[in-house]
Amino acid sequence: NYYIINDPYNNIQKEPSKYKVLPSK
């Protein structure tokens, strides 16, 4: 099956789900 999201920048919910983890200086 398939679906299409046109103009995704304006038609999706955007939530960060990955973070790069580094020790602080």
PDBML (XML) file of the C-alpha atoms, coordinates in Angstrom:
<?xml version="1.0" encoding="UTF-8" ?>
<PDBx:datablock datablockName="MODEL"
   xmlns:PDBx="http://pdbml.pdb.org/schema/pdbx-v50.xsd"
   xmlns:xsi="http://www.w3.org/2001/XMLSchema-instance"
   xsi:schemaLocation="http://pdbml.pdb.org/schema/pdbx-v50.xsd pdbx-v50.xsd">
   <PDBx:atom_siteCategory>
      <PDBx:atom_site id="1">
         <PDBx:B_iso_or_equiv>0.00</PDBx:B_iso_or_equiv>
         <PDBx:Cartn_x>0.000</PDBx:Cartn_x>
         <PDBx:Cartn_y>0.000</PDBx:Cartn_y>
         <PDBx:Cartn_z>0.000</PDBx:Cartn_z>
         <PDBx:auth_asym_id>A</PDBx:auth_asym_id>
         <PDBx:auth_atom_id>CA</PDBx:auth_atom_id>
         <PDBx:auth_comp_id>ASN</PDBx:auth_comp_id>
         <PDBx:auth_seq_id>1</PDBx:auth_seq_id>
         <PDBx:group_PDB>ATOM</PDBx:group_PDB>
         <PDBx:label_alt_id xsi:nil="true" />
         <PDBx:label_asym_id>A</PDBx:label_asym_id>
         <PDBx:label_atom_id>CA</PDBx:label_atom_id>
         <PDBx:label_comp_id>ASN</PDBx:label_comp_id>
         <PDBx:label_entity_id>1</PDBx:label_entity_id>
         <PDBx:label_seq_id>1</PDBx:label_seq_id>
         <PDBx:occupancy>1.00</PDBx:occupancy>
         <PDBx:pdbx_PDB_model_num>1</PDBx:pdbx_PDB_model_num>
         <PDBx:type_symbol>C</PDBx:type_symbol>
      </PDBx:atom_site>
      <PDBx:atom_site id="2">
         <PDBx:B_iso_or_equiv>0.00</PDBx:B_iso_or_equiv>
         <PDBx:Cartn_x>1.182</PDBx:Cartn_x>
         <PDBx:Cartn_y>3.572</PDBx:Cartn_y>
         <PDBx:Cartn_z>-0.283</PDBx:Cartn_z>
         <PDBx:auth_asym_id>A</PDBx:auth_asym_id>
         <PDBx:auth_atom_id>CA</PDBx:auth_atom_id>
         <PDBx:auth_comp_id>TYR</PDBx:auth_comp_id>
         <PDBx:auth_seq_id>2</PDBx:auth_seq_id>
         <PDBx:group_PDB>ATOM</PDBx:group_PDB>
         <PDBx:label_alt_id xsi:nil="true" />
         <PDBx:label_asym_id>A</PDBx:label_asym_id>
         <PDBx:label_atom_id>CA</PDBx:label_atom_id>
         <PDBx:label_comp_id>TYR</PDBx:label_comp_id>
         <PDBx:label_entity_id>1</PDBx:label_entity_id>
         <PDBx:label_seq_id>2</PDBx:label_seq_id>
         <PDBx:occupancy>1.00</PDBx:occupancy>
         <PDBx:pdbx_PDB_model_num>1</PDBx:pdbx_PDB_model_num>
         <PDBx:type_symbol>C</PDBx:type_symbol>
      </PDBx:atom_site>
      <PDBx:atom_site id="3">
         <PDBx:B_iso_or_equiv>0.00</PDBx:B_iso_or_equiv>
         <PDBx:Cartn_x>0.442</PDBx:Cartn_x>
         <PDBx:Cartn_y>7.142</PDBx:Cartn_y>
         <PDBx:Cartn_z>0.639</PDBx:Cartn_z>
         <PDBx:auth_asym_id>A</PDBx:auth_asym_id>
         <PDBx:auth_atom_id>CA</PDBx:auth_atom_id>
         <PDBx:auth_comp_id>TYR</PDBx:auth_comp_id>
         <PDBx:auth_seq_id>3</PDBx:auth_seq_id>
         <PDBx:group_PDB>ATOM</PDBx:group_PDB>
         <PDBx:label_alt_id xsi:nil="true" />
         <PDBx:label_asym_id>A</PDBx:label_asym_id>
         <PDBx:label_atom_id>CA</PDBx:label_atom_id>
         <PDBx:label_comp_id>TYR</PDBx:label_comp_id>
         <PDBx:label_entity_id>1</PDBx:label_entity_id>
         <PDBx:label_seq_id>3</PDBx:label_seq_id>
         <PDBx:occupancy>1.00</PDBx:occupancy>
         <PDBx:pdbx_PDB_model_num>1</PDBx:pdbx_PDB_model_num>
         <PDBx:type_symbol>C</PDBx:type_symbol>
      </PDBx:atom_site>
      <PDBx:atom_site id="4">
         <PDBx:B_iso_or_equiv>0.00</PDBx:B_iso_or_equiv>
         <PDBx:Cartn_x>1.784</PDBx:Cartn_x>
         <PDBx:Cartn_y>10.467</PDBx:Cartn_y>
         <PDBx:Cartn_z>-0.577</PDBx:Cartn_z>
         <PDBx:auth_asym_id>A</PDBx:auth_asym_id>
         <PDBx:auth_atom_id>CA</PDBx:auth_atom_id>
         <PDBx:auth_comp_id>ILE</PDBx:auth_comp_id>
         <PDBx:auth_seq_id>4</PDBx:auth_seq_id>
         <PDBx:group_PDB>ATOM</PDBx:group_PDB>
         <PDBx:label_alt_id xsi:nil="true" />
         <PDBx:label_asym_id>A</PDBx:label_asym_id>
         <PDBx:label_atom_id>CA</PDBx:label_atom_id>
         <PDBx:label_comp_id>ILE</PDBx:label_comp_id>
         <PDBx:label_entity_id>1</PDBx:label_entity_id>
         <PDBx:label_seq_id>4</PDBx:label_seq_id>
         <PDBx:occupancy>1.00</PDBx:occupancy>
         <PDBx:pdbx_PDB_model_num>1</PDBx:pdbx_PDB_model_num>
         <PDBx:type_symbol>C</PDBx:type_symbol>
      </PDBx:atom_site>
      <PDBx:atom_site id="5">
         <PDBx:B_iso_or_equiv>0.00</PDBx:B_iso_or_equiv>
         <PDBx:Cartn_x>2.440</PDBx:Cartn_x>
         <PDBx:Cartn_y>13.584</PDBx:Cartn_y>
         <PDBx:Cartn_z>1.502</PDBx:Cartn_z>
         <PDBx:auth_asym_id>A</PDBx:auth_asym_id>
         <PDBx:auth_atom_id>CA</PDBx:auth_atom_id>
         <PDBx:auth_comp_id>ILE</PDBx:auth_comp_id>
         <PDBx:auth_seq_id>5</PDBx:auth_seq_id>
         <PDBx:group_PDB>ATOM</PDBx:group_PDB>
         <PDBx:label_alt_id xsi:nil="true" />
         <PDBx:label_asym_id>A</PDBx:label_asym_id>
         <PDBx:label_atom_id>CA</PDBx:label_atom_id>
         <PDBx:label_comp_id>ILE</PDBx:label_comp_id>
         <PDBx:label_entity_id>1</PDBx:label_entity_id>
         <PDBx:label_seq_id>5</PDBx:label_seq_id>
         <PDBx:occupancy>1.00</PDBx:occupancy>
         <PDBx:pdbx_PDB_model_num>1</PDBx:pdbx_PDB_model_num>
         <PDBx:type_symbol>C</PDBx:type_symbol>
      </PDBx:atom_site>
      <PDBx:atom_site id="6">
         <PDBx:B_iso_or_equiv>0.00</PDBx:B_iso_or_equiv>
         <PDBx:Cartn_x>2.565</PDBx:Cartn_x>
         <PDBx:Cartn_y>16.659</PDBx:Cartn_y>
         <PDBx:Cartn_z>-0.700</PDBx:Cartn_z>
         <PDBx:auth_asym_id>A</PDBx:auth_asym_id>
         <PDBx:auth_atom_id>CA</PDBx:auth_atom_id>
         <PDBx:auth_comp_id>ASN</PDBx:auth_comp_id>
         <PDBx:auth_seq_id>6</PDBx:auth_seq_id>
         <PDBx:group_PDB>ATOM</PDBx:group_PDB>
         <PDBx:label_alt_id xsi:nil="true" />
         <PDBx:label_asym_id>A</PDBx:label_asym_id>
         <PDBx:label_atom_id>CA</PDBx:label_atom_id>
         <PDBx:label_comp_id>ASN</PDBx:label_comp_id>
         <PDBx:label_entity_id>1</PDBx:label_entity_id>
         <PDBx:label_seq_id>6</PDBx:label_seq_id>
         <PDBx:occupancy>1.00</PDBx:occupancy>
         <PDBx:pdbx_PDB_model_num>1</PDBx:pdbx_PDB_model_num>
         <PDBx:type_symbol>C</PDBx:type_symbol>
      </PDBx:atom_site>
      <PDBx:atom_site id="7">
         <PDBx:B_iso_or_equiv>0.00</PDBx:B_iso_or_equiv>
         <PDBx:Cartn_x>4.451</PDBx:Cartn_x>
         <PDBx:Cartn_y>19.740</PDBx:Cartn_y>
         <PDBx:Cartn_z>0.538</PDBx:Cartn_z>
         <PDBx:auth_asym_id>A</PDBx:auth_asym_id>
         <PDBx:auth_atom_id>CA</PDBx:auth_atom_id>
         <PDBx:auth_comp_id>ASP</PDBx:auth_comp_id>
         <PDBx:auth_seq_id>7</PDBx:auth_seq_id>
         <PDBx:group_PDB>ATOM</PDBx:group_PDB>
         <PDBx:label_alt_id xsi:nil="true" />
         <PDBx:label_asym_id>A</PDBx:label_asym_id>
         <PDBx:label_atom_id>CA</PDBx:label_atom_id>
         <PDBx:label_comp_id>ASP</PDBx:label_comp_id>
         <PDBx:label_entity_id>1</PDBx:label_entity_id>
         <PDBx:label_seq_id>7</PDBx:label_seq_id>
         <PDBx:occupancy>1.00</PDBx:occupancy>
         <PDBx:pdbx_PDB_model_num>1</PDBx:pdbx_PDB_model_num>
         <PDBx:type_symbol>C</PDBx:type_symbol>
      </PDBx:atom_site>
      <PDBx:atom_site id="8">
         <PDBx:B_iso_or_equiv>0.00</PDBx:B_iso_or_equiv>
         <PDBx:Cartn_x>5.592</PDBx:Cartn_x>
         <PDBx:Cartn_y>17.849</PDBx:Cartn_y>
         <PDBx:Cartn_z>3.635</PDBx:Cartn_z>
         <PDBx:auth_asym_id>A</PDBx:auth_asym_id>
         <PDBx:auth_atom_id>CA</PDBx:auth_atom_id>
         <PDBx:auth_comp_id>PRO</PDBx:auth_comp_id>
         <PDBx:auth_seq_id>8</PDBx:auth_seq_id>
         <PDBx:group_PDB>ATOM</PDBx:group_PDB>
         <PDBx:label_alt_id xsi:nil="true" />
         <PDBx:label_asym_id>A</PDBx:label_asym_id>
         <PDBx:label_atom_id>CA</PDBx:label_atom_id>
         <PDBx:label_comp_id>PRO</PDBx:label_comp_id>
         <PDBx:label_entity_id>1</PDBx:label_entity_id>
         <PDBx:label_seq_id>8</PDBx:label_seq_id>
         <PDBx:occupancy>1.00</PDBx:occupancy>
         <PDBx:pdbx_PDB_model_num>1</PDBx:pdbx_PDB_model_num>
         <PDBx:type_symbol>C</PDBx:type_symbol>
      </PDBx:atom_site>
      <PDBx:atom_site id="9">
         <PDBx:B_iso_or_equiv>0.00</PDBx:B_iso_or_equiv>
         <PDBx:Cartn_x>7.256</PDBx:Cartn_x>
         <PDBx:Cartn_y>20.824</PDBx:Cartn_y>
         <PDBx:Cartn_z>5.313</PDBx:Cartn_z>
         <PDBx:auth_asym_id>A</PDBx:auth_asym_id>
         <PDBx:auth_atom_id>CA</PDBx:auth_atom_id>
         <PDBx:auth_comp_id>TYR</PDBx:auth_comp_id>
         <PDBx:auth_seq_id>9</PDBx:auth_seq_id>
         <PDBx:group_PDB>ATOM</PDBx:group_PDB>
         <PDBx:label_alt_id xsi:nil="true" />
         <PDBx:label_asym_id>A</PDBx:label_asym_id>
         <PDBx:label_atom_id>CA</PDBx:label_atom_id>
         <PDBx:label_comp_id>TYR</PDBx:label_comp_id>
         <PDBx:label_entity_id>1</PDBx:label_entity_id>
         <PDBx:label_seq_id>9</PDBx:label_seq_id>
         <PDBx:occupancy>1.00</PDBx:occupancy>
         <PDBx:pdbx_PDB_model_num>1</PDBx:pdbx_PDB_model_num>
         <PDBx:type_symbol>C</PDBx:type_symbol>
      </PDBx:atom_site>
      <PDBx:atom_site id="10">
         <PDBx:B_iso_or_equiv>0.00</PDBx:B_iso_or_equiv>
         <PDBx:Cartn_x>3.829</PDBx:Cartn_x>
         <PDBx:Cartn_y>22.398</PDBx:Cartn_y>
         <PDBx:Cartn_z>5.775</PDBx:Cartn_z>
         <PDBx:auth_asym_id>A</PDBx:auth_asym_id>
         <PDBx:auth_atom_id>CA</PDBx:auth_atom_id>
         <PDBx:auth_comp_id>ASN</PDBx:auth_comp_id>
         <PDBx:auth_seq_id>10</PDBx:auth_seq_id>
         <PDBx:group_PDB>ATOM</PDBx:group_PDB>
         <PDBx:label_alt_id xsi:nil="true" />
         <PDBx:label_asym_id>A</PDBx:label_asym_id>
         <PDBx:label_atom_id>CA</PDBx:label_atom_id>
         <PDBx:label_comp_id>ASN</PDBx:label_comp_id>
         <PDBx:label_entity_id>1</PDBx:label_entity_id>
         <PDBx:label_seq_id>10</PDBx:label_seq_id>
         <PDBx:occupancy>1.00</PDBx:occupancy>
         <PDBx:pdbx_PDB_model_num>1</PDBx:pdbx_PDB_model_num>
         <PDBx:type_symbol>C</PDBx:type_symbol>
      </PDBx:atom_site>
      <PDBx:atom_site id="11">
         <PDBx:B_iso_or_equiv>0.00</PDBx:B_iso_or_equiv>
         <PDBx:Cartn_x>1.817</PDBx:Cartn_x>
         <PDBx:Cartn_y>19.173</PDBx:Cartn_y>
         <PDBx:Cartn_z>6.113</PDBx:Cartn_z>
         <PDBx:auth_asym_id>A</PDBx:auth_asym_id>
         <PDBx:auth_atom_id>CA</PDBx:auth_atom_id>
         <PDBx:auth_comp_id>ASN</PDBx:auth_comp_id>
         <PDBx:auth_seq_id>11</PDBx:auth_seq_id>
         <PDBx:group_PDB>ATOM</PDBx:group_PDB>
         <PDBx:label_alt_id xsi:nil="true" />
         <PDBx:label_asym_id>A</PDBx:label_asym_id>
         <PDBx:label_atom_id>CA</PDBx:label_atom_id>
         <PDBx:label_comp_id>ASN</PDBx:label_comp_id>
         <PDBx:label_entity_id>1</PDBx:label_entity_id>
         <PDBx:label_seq_id>11</PDBx:label_seq_id>
         <PDBx:occupancy>1.00</PDBx:occupancy>
         <PDBx:pdbx_PDB_model_num>1</PDBx:pdbx_PDB_model_num>
         <PDBx:type_symbol>C</PDBx:type_symbol>
      </PDBx:atom_site>
      <PDBx:atom_site id="12">
         <PDBx:B_iso_or_equiv>0.00</PDBx:B_iso_or_equiv>
         <PDBx:Cartn_x>3.590</PDBx:Cartn_x>
         <PDBx:Cartn_y>17.089</PDBx:Cartn_y>
         <PDBx:Cartn_z>8.757</PDBx:Cartn_z>
         <PDBx:auth_asym_id>A</PDBx:auth_asym_id>
         <PDBx:auth_atom_id>CA</PDBx:auth_atom_id>
         <PDBx:auth_comp_id>ILE</PDBx:auth_comp_id>
         <PDBx:auth_seq_id>12</PDBx:auth_seq_id>
         <PDBx:group_PDB>ATOM</PDBx:group_PDB>
         <PDBx:label_alt_id xsi:nil="true" />
         <PDBx:label_asym_id>A</PDBx:label_asym_id>
         <PDBx:label_atom_id>CA</PDBx:label_atom_id>
         <PDBx:label_comp_id>ILE</PDBx:label_comp_id>
         <PDBx:label_entity_id>1</PDBx:label_entity_id>
         <PDBx:label_seq_id>12</PDBx:label_seq_id>
         <PDBx:occupancy>1.00</PDBx:occupancy>
         <PDBx:pdbx_PDB_model_num>1</PDBx:pdbx_PDB_model_num>
         <PDBx:type_symbol>C</PDBx:type_symbol>
      </PDBx:atom_site>
      <PDBx:atom_site id="13">
         <PDBx:B_iso_or_equiv>0.00</PDBx:B_iso_or_equiv>
         <PDBx:Cartn_x>4.216</PDBx:Cartn_x>
         <PDBx:Cartn_y>17.356</PDBx:Cartn_y>
         <PDBx:Cartn_z>12.466</PDBx:Cartn_z>
         <PDBx:auth_asym_id>A</PDBx:auth_asym_id>
         <PDBx:auth_atom_id>CA</PDBx:auth_atom_id>
         <PDBx:auth_comp_id>GLN</PDBx:auth_comp_id>
         <PDBx:auth_seq_id>13</PDBx:auth_seq_id>
         <PDBx:group_PDB>ATOM</PDBx:group_PDB>
         <PDBx:label_alt_id xsi:nil="true" />
         <PDBx:label_asym_id>A</PDBx:label_asym_id>
         <PDBx:label_atom_id>CA</PDBx:label_atom_id>
         <PDBx:label_comp_id>GLN</PDBx:label_comp_id>
         <PDBx:label_entity_id>1</PDBx:label_entity_id>
         <PDBx:label_seq_id>13</PDBx:label_seq_id>
         <PDBx:occupancy>1.00</PDBx:occupancy>
         <PDBx:pdbx_PDB_model_num>1</PDBx:pdbx_PDB_model_num>
         <PDBx:type_symbol>C</PDBx:type_symbol>
      </PDBx:atom_site>
      <PDBx:atom_site id="14">
         <PDBx:B_iso_or_equiv>0.00</PDBx:B_iso_or_equiv>
         <PDBx:Cartn_x>7.929</PDBx:Cartn_x>
         <PDBx:Cartn_y>17.788</PDBx:Cartn_y>
         <PDBx:Cartn_z>13.055</PDBx:Cartn_z>
         <PDBx:auth_asym_id>A</PDBx:auth_asym_id>
         <PDBx:auth_atom_id>CA</PDBx:auth_atom_id>
         <PDBx:auth_comp_id>LYS</PDBx:auth_comp_id>
         <PDBx:auth_seq_id>14</PDBx:auth_seq_id>
         <PDBx:group_PDB>ATOM</PDBx:group_PDB>
         <PDBx:label_alt_id xsi:nil="true" />
         <PDBx:label_asym_id>A</PDBx:label_asym_id>
         <PDBx:label_atom_id>CA</PDBx:label_atom_id>
         <PDBx:label_comp_id>LYS</PDBx:label_comp_id>
         <PDBx:label_entity_id>1</PDBx:label_entity_id>
         <PDBx:label_seq_id>14</PDBx:label_seq_id>
         <PDBx:occupancy>1.00</PDBx:occupancy>
         <PDBx:pdbx_PDB_model_num>1</PDBx:pdbx_PDB_model_num>
         <PDBx:type_symbol>C</PDBx:type_symbol>
      </PDBx:atom_site>
      <PDBx:atom_site id="15">
         <PDBx:B_iso_or_equiv>0.00</PDBx:B_iso_or_equiv>
         <PDBx:Cartn_x>9.419</PDBx:Cartn_x>
         <PDBx:Cartn_y>16.514</PDBx:Cartn_y>
         <PDBx:Cartn_z>16.311</PDBx:Cartn_z>
         <PDBx:auth_asym_id>A</PDBx:auth_asym_id>
         <PDBx:auth_atom_id>CA</PDBx:auth_atom_id>
         <PDBx:auth_comp_id>GLU</PDBx:auth_comp_id>
         <PDBx:auth_seq_id>15</PDBx:auth_seq_id>
         <PDBx:group_PDB>ATOM</PDBx:group_PDB>
         <PDBx:label_alt_id xsi:nil="true" />
         <PDBx:label_asym_id>A</PDBx:label_asym_id>
         <PDBx:label_atom_id>CA</PDBx:label_atom_id>
         <PDBx:label_comp_id>GLU</PDBx:label_comp_id>
         <PDBx:label_entity_id>1</PDBx:label_entity_id>
         <PDBx:label_seq_id>15</PDBx:label_seq_id>
         <PDBx:occupancy>1.00</PDBx:occupancy>
         <PDBx:pdbx_PDB_model_num>1</PDBx:pdbx_PDB_model_num>
         <PDBx:type_symbol>C</PDBx:type_symbol>
      </PDBx:atom_site>
      <PDBx:atom_site id="16">
         <PDBx:B_iso_or_equiv>0.00</PDBx:B_iso_or_equiv>
         <PDBx:Cartn_x>13.140</PDBx:Cartn_x>
         <PDBx:Cartn_y>15.828</PDBx:Cartn_y>
         <PDBx:Cartn_z>16.821</PDBx:Cartn_z>
         <PDBx:auth_asym_id>A</PDBx:auth_asym_id>
         <PDBx:auth_atom_id>CA</PDBx:auth_atom_id>
         <PDBx:auth_comp_id>PRO</PDBx:auth_comp_id>
         <PDBx:auth_seq_id>16</PDBx:auth_seq_id>
         <PDBx:group_PDB>ATOM</PDBx:group_PDB>
         <PDBx:label_alt_id xsi:nil="true" />
         <PDBx:label_asym_id>A</PDBx:label_asym_id>
         <PDBx:label_atom_id>CA</PDBx:label_atom_id>
         <PDBx:label_comp_id>PRO</PDBx:label_comp_id>
         <PDBx:label_entity_id>1</PDBx:label_entity_id>
         <PDBx:label_seq_id>16</PDBx:label_seq_id>
         <PDBx:occupancy>1.00</PDBx:occupancy>
         <PDBx:pdbx_PDB_model_num>1</PDBx:pdbx_PDB_model_num>
         <PDBx:type_symbol>C</PDBx:type_symbol>
      </PDBx:atom_site>
      <PDBx:atom_site id="17">
         <PDBx:B_iso_or_equiv>0.00</PDBx:B_iso_or_equiv>
         <PDBx:Cartn_x>13.734</PDBx:Cartn_x>
         <PDBx:Cartn_y>12.203</PDBx:Cartn_y>
         <PDBx:Cartn_z>17.714</PDBx:Cartn_z>
         <PDBx:auth_asym_id>A</PDBx:auth_asym_id>
         <PDBx:auth_atom_id>CA</PDBx:auth_atom_id>
         <PDBx:auth_comp_id>SER</PDBx:auth_comp_id>
         <PDBx:auth_seq_id>17</PDBx:auth_seq_id>
         <PDBx:group_PDB>ATOM</PDBx:group_PDB>
         <PDBx:label_alt_id xsi:nil="true" />
         <PDBx:label_asym_id>A</PDBx:label_asym_id>
         <PDBx:label_atom_id>CA</PDBx:label_atom_id>
         <PDBx:label_comp_id>SER</PDBx:label_comp_id>
         <PDBx:label_entity_id>1</PDBx:label_entity_id>
         <PDBx:label_seq_id>17</PDBx:label_seq_id>
         <PDBx:occupancy>1.00</PDBx:occupancy>
         <PDBx:pdbx_PDB_model_num>1</PDBx:pdbx_PDB_model_num>
         <PDBx:type_symbol>C</PDBx:type_symbol>
      </PDBx:atom_site>
      <PDBx:atom_site id="18">
         <PDBx:B_iso_or_equiv>0.00</PDBx:B_iso_or_equiv>
         <PDBx:Cartn_x>17.534</PDBx:Cartn_x>
         <PDBx:Cartn_y>11.856</PDBx:Cartn_y>
         <PDBx:Cartn_z>17.539</PDBx:Cartn_z>
         <PDBx:auth_asym_id>A</PDBx:auth_asym_id>
         <PDBx:auth_atom_id>CA</PDBx:auth_atom_id>
         <PDBx:auth_comp_id>LYS</PDBx:auth_comp_id>
         <PDBx:auth_seq_id>18</PDBx:auth_seq_id>
         <PDBx:group_PDB>ATOM</PDBx:group_PDB>
         <PDBx:label_alt_id xsi:nil="true" />
         <PDBx:label_asym_id>A</PDBx:label_asym_id>
         <PDBx:label_atom_id>CA</PDBx:label_atom_id>
         <PDBx:label_comp_id>LYS</PDBx:label_comp_id>
         <PDBx:label_entity_id>1</PDBx:label_entity_id>
         <PDBx:label_seq_id>18</PDBx:label_seq_id>
         <PDBx:occupancy>1.00</PDBx:occupancy>
         <PDBx:pdbx_PDB_model_num>1</PDBx:pdbx_PDB_model_num>
         <PDBx:type_symbol>C</PDBx:type_symbol>
      </PDBx:atom_site>
      <PDBx:atom_site id="19">
         <PDBx:B_iso_or_equiv>0.00</PDBx:B_iso_or_equiv>
         <PDBx:Cartn_x>20.193</PDBx:Cartn_x>
         <PDBx:Cartn_y>13.760</PDBx:Cartn_y>
         <PDBx:Cartn_z>19.352</PDBx:Cartn_z>
         <PDBx:auth_asym_id>A</PDBx:auth_asym_id>
         <PDBx:auth_atom_id>CA</PDBx:auth_atom_id>
         <PDBx:auth_comp_id>TYR</PDBx:auth_comp_id>
         <PDBx:auth_seq_id>19</PDBx:auth_seq_id>
         <PDBx:group_PDB>ATOM</PDBx:group_PDB>
         <PDBx:label_alt_id xsi:nil="true" />
         <PDBx:label_asym_id>A</PDBx:label_asym_id>
         <PDBx:label_atom_id>CA</PDBx:label_atom_id>
         <PDBx:label_comp_id>TYR</PDBx:label_comp_id>
         <PDBx:label_entity_id>1</PDBx:label_entity_id>
         <PDBx:label_seq_id>19</PDBx:label_seq_id>
         <PDBx:occupancy>1.00</PDBx:occupancy>
         <PDBx:pdbx_PDB_model_num>1</PDBx:pdbx_PDB_model_num>
         <PDBx:type_symbol>C</PDBx:type_symbol>
      </PDBx:atom_site>
      <PDBx:atom_site id="20">
         <PDBx:B_iso_or_equiv>0.00</PDBx:B_iso_or_equiv>
         <PDBx:Cartn_x>23.939</PDBx:Cartn_x>
         <PDBx:Cartn_y>13.600</PDBx:Cartn_y>
         <PDBx:Cartn_z>19.106</PDBx:Cartn_z>
         <PDBx:auth_asym_id>A</PDBx:auth_asym_id>
         <PDBx:auth_atom_id>CA</PDBx:auth_atom_id>
         <PDBx:auth_comp_id>LYS</PDBx:auth_comp_id>
         <PDBx:auth_seq_id>20</PDBx:auth_seq_id>
         <PDBx:group_PDB>ATOM</PDBx:group_PDB>
         <PDBx:label_alt_id xsi:nil="true" />
         <PDBx:label_asym_id>A</PDBx:label_asym_id>
         <PDBx:label_atom_id>CA</PDBx:label_atom_id>
         <PDBx:label_comp_id>LYS</PDBx:label_comp_id>
         <PDBx:label_entity_id>1</PDBx:label_entity_id>
         <PDBx:label_seq_id>20</PDBx:label_seq_id>
         <PDBx:occupancy>1.00</PDBx:occupancy>
         <PDBx:pdbx_PDB_model_num>1</PDBx:pdbx_PDB_model_num>
         <PDBx:type_symbol>C</PDBx:type_symbol>
      </PDBx:atom_site>
      <PDBx:atom_site id="21">
         <PDBx:B_iso_or_equiv>0.00</PDBx:B_iso_or_equiv>
         <PDBx:Cartn_x>25.356</PDBx:Cartn_x>
         <PDBx:Cartn_y>13.200</PDBx:Cartn_y>
         <PDBx:Cartn_z>22.599</PDBx:Cartn_z>
         <PDBx:auth_asym_id>A</PDBx:auth_asym_id>
         <PDBx:auth_atom_id>CA</PDBx:auth_atom_id>
         <PDBx:auth_comp_id>VAL</PDBx:auth_comp_id>
         <PDBx:auth_seq_id>21</PDBx:auth_seq_id>
         <PDBx:group_PDB>ATOM</PDBx:group_PDB>
         <PDBx:label_alt_id xsi:nil="true" />
         <PDBx:label_asym_id>A</PDBx:label_asym_id>
         <PDBx:label_atom_id>CA</PDBx:label_atom_id>
         <PDBx:label_comp_id>VAL</PDBx:label_comp_id>
         <PDBx:label_entity_id>1</PDBx:label_entity_id>
         <PDBx:label_seq_id>21</PDBx:label_seq_id>
         <PDBx:occupancy>1.00</PDBx:occupancy>
         <PDBx:pdbx_PDB_model_num>1</PDBx:pdbx_PDB_model_num>
         <PDBx:type_symbol>C</PDBx:type_symbol>
      </PDBx:atom_site>
      <PDBx:atom_site id="22">
         <PDBx:B_iso_or_equiv>0.00</PDBx:B_iso_or_equiv>
         <PDBx:Cartn_x>28.822</PDBx:Cartn_x>
         <PDBx:Cartn_y>14.556</PDBx:Cartn_y>
         <PDBx:Cartn_z>23.338</PDBx:Cartn_z>
         <PDBx:auth_asym_id>A</PDBx:auth_asym_id>
         <PDBx:auth_atom_id>CA</PDBx:auth_atom_id>
         <PDBx:auth_comp_id>LEU</PDBx:auth_comp_id>
         <PDBx:auth_seq_id>22</PDBx:auth_seq_id>
         <PDBx:group_PDB>ATOM</PDBx:group_PDB>
         <PDBx:label_alt_id xsi:nil="true" />
         <PDBx:label_asym_id>A</PDBx:label_asym_id>
         <PDBx:label_atom_id>CA</PDBx:label_atom_id>
         <PDBx:label_comp_id>LEU</PDBx:label_comp_id>
         <PDBx:label_entity_id>1</PDBx:label_entity_id>
         <PDBx:label_seq_id>22</PDBx:label_seq_id>
         <PDBx:occupancy>1.00</PDBx:occupancy>
         <PDBx:pdbx_PDB_model_num>1</PDBx:pdbx_PDB_model_num>
         <PDBx:type_symbol>C</PDBx:type_symbol>
      </PDBx:atom_site>
      <PDBx:atom_site id="23">
         <PDBx:B_iso_or_equiv>0.00</PDBx:B_iso_or_equiv>
         <PDBx:Cartn_x>30.540</PDBx:Cartn_x>
         <PDBx:Cartn_y>15.309</PDBx:Cartn_y>
         <PDBx:Cartn_z>26.620</PDBx:Cartn_z>
         <PDBx:auth_asym_id>A</PDBx:auth_asym_id>
         <PDBx:auth_atom_id>CA</PDBx:auth_atom_id>
         <PDBx:auth_comp_id>PRO</PDBx:auth_comp_id>
         <PDBx:auth_seq_id>23</PDBx:auth_seq_id>
         <PDBx:group_PDB>ATOM</PDBx:group_PDB>
         <PDBx:label_alt_id xsi:nil="true" />
         <PDBx:label_asym_id>A</PDBx:label_asym_id>
         <PDBx:label_atom_id>CA</PDBx:label_atom_id>
         <PDBx:label_comp_id>PRO</PDBx:label_comp_id>
         <PDBx:label_entity_id>1</PDBx:label_entity_id>
         <PDBx:label_seq_id>23</PDBx:label_seq_id>
         <PDBx:occupancy>1.00</PDBx:occupancy>
         <PDBx:pdbx_PDB_model_num>1</PDBx:pdbx_PDB_model_num>
         <PDBx:type_symbol>C</PDBx:type_symbol>
      </PDBx:atom_site>
      <PDBx:atom_site id="24">
         <PDBx:B_iso_or_equiv>0.00</PDBx:B_iso_or_equiv>
         <PDBx:Cartn_x>30.539</PDBx:Cartn_x>
         <PDBx:Cartn_y>18.975</PDBx:Cartn_y>
         <PDBx:Cartn_z>27.482</PDBx:Cartn_z>
         <PDBx:auth_asym_id>A</PDBx:auth_asym_id>
         <PDBx:auth_atom_id>CA</PDBx:auth_atom_id>
         <PDBx:auth_comp_id>SER</PDBx:auth_comp_id>
         <PDBx:auth_seq_id>24</PDBx:auth_seq_id>
         <PDBx:group_PDB>ATOM</PDBx:group_PDB>
         <PDBx:label_alt_id xsi:nil="true" />
         <PDBx:label_asym_id>A</PDBx:label_asym_id>
         <PDBx:label_atom_id>CA</PDBx:label_atom_id>
         <PDBx:label_comp_id>SER</PDBx:label_comp_id>
         <PDBx:label_entity_id>1</PDBx:label_entity_id>
         <PDBx:label_seq_id>24</PDBx:label_seq_id>
         <PDBx:occupancy>1.00</PDBx:occupancy>
         <PDBx:pdbx_PDB_model_num>1</PDBx:pdbx_PDB_model_num>
         <PDBx:type_symbol>C</PDBx:type_symbol>
      </PDBx:atom_site>
      <PDBx:atom_site id="25">
         <PDBx:B_iso_or_equiv>0.00</PDBx:B_iso_or_equiv>
         <PDBx:Cartn_x>33.830</PDBx:Cartn_x>
         <PDBx:Cartn_y>20.829</PDBx:Cartn_y>
         <PDBx:Cartn_z>27.346</PDBx:Cartn_z>
         <PDBx:auth_asym_id>A</PDBx:auth_asym_id>
         <PDBx:auth_atom_id>CA</PDBx:auth_atom_id>
         <PDBx:auth_comp_id>LYS</PDBx:auth_comp_id>
         <PDBx:auth_seq_id>25</PDBx:auth_seq_id>
         <PDBx:group_PDB>ATOM</PDBx:group_PDB>
         <PDBx:label_alt_id xsi:nil="true" />
         <PDBx:label_asym_id>A</PDBx:label_asym_id>
         <PDBx:label_atom_id>CA</PDBx:label_atom_id>
         <PDBx:label_comp_id>LYS</PDBx:label_comp_id>
         <PDBx:label_entity_id>1</PDBx:label_entity_id>
         <PDBx:label_seq_id>25</PDBx:label_seq_id>
         <PDBx:occupancy>1.00</PDBx:occupancy>
         <PDBx:pdbx_PDB_model_num>1</PDBx:pdbx_PDB_model_num>
         <PDBx:type_symbol>C</PDBx:type_symbol>
      </PDBx:atom_site>
   </PDBx:atom_siteCategory>
</PDBx:datablock>
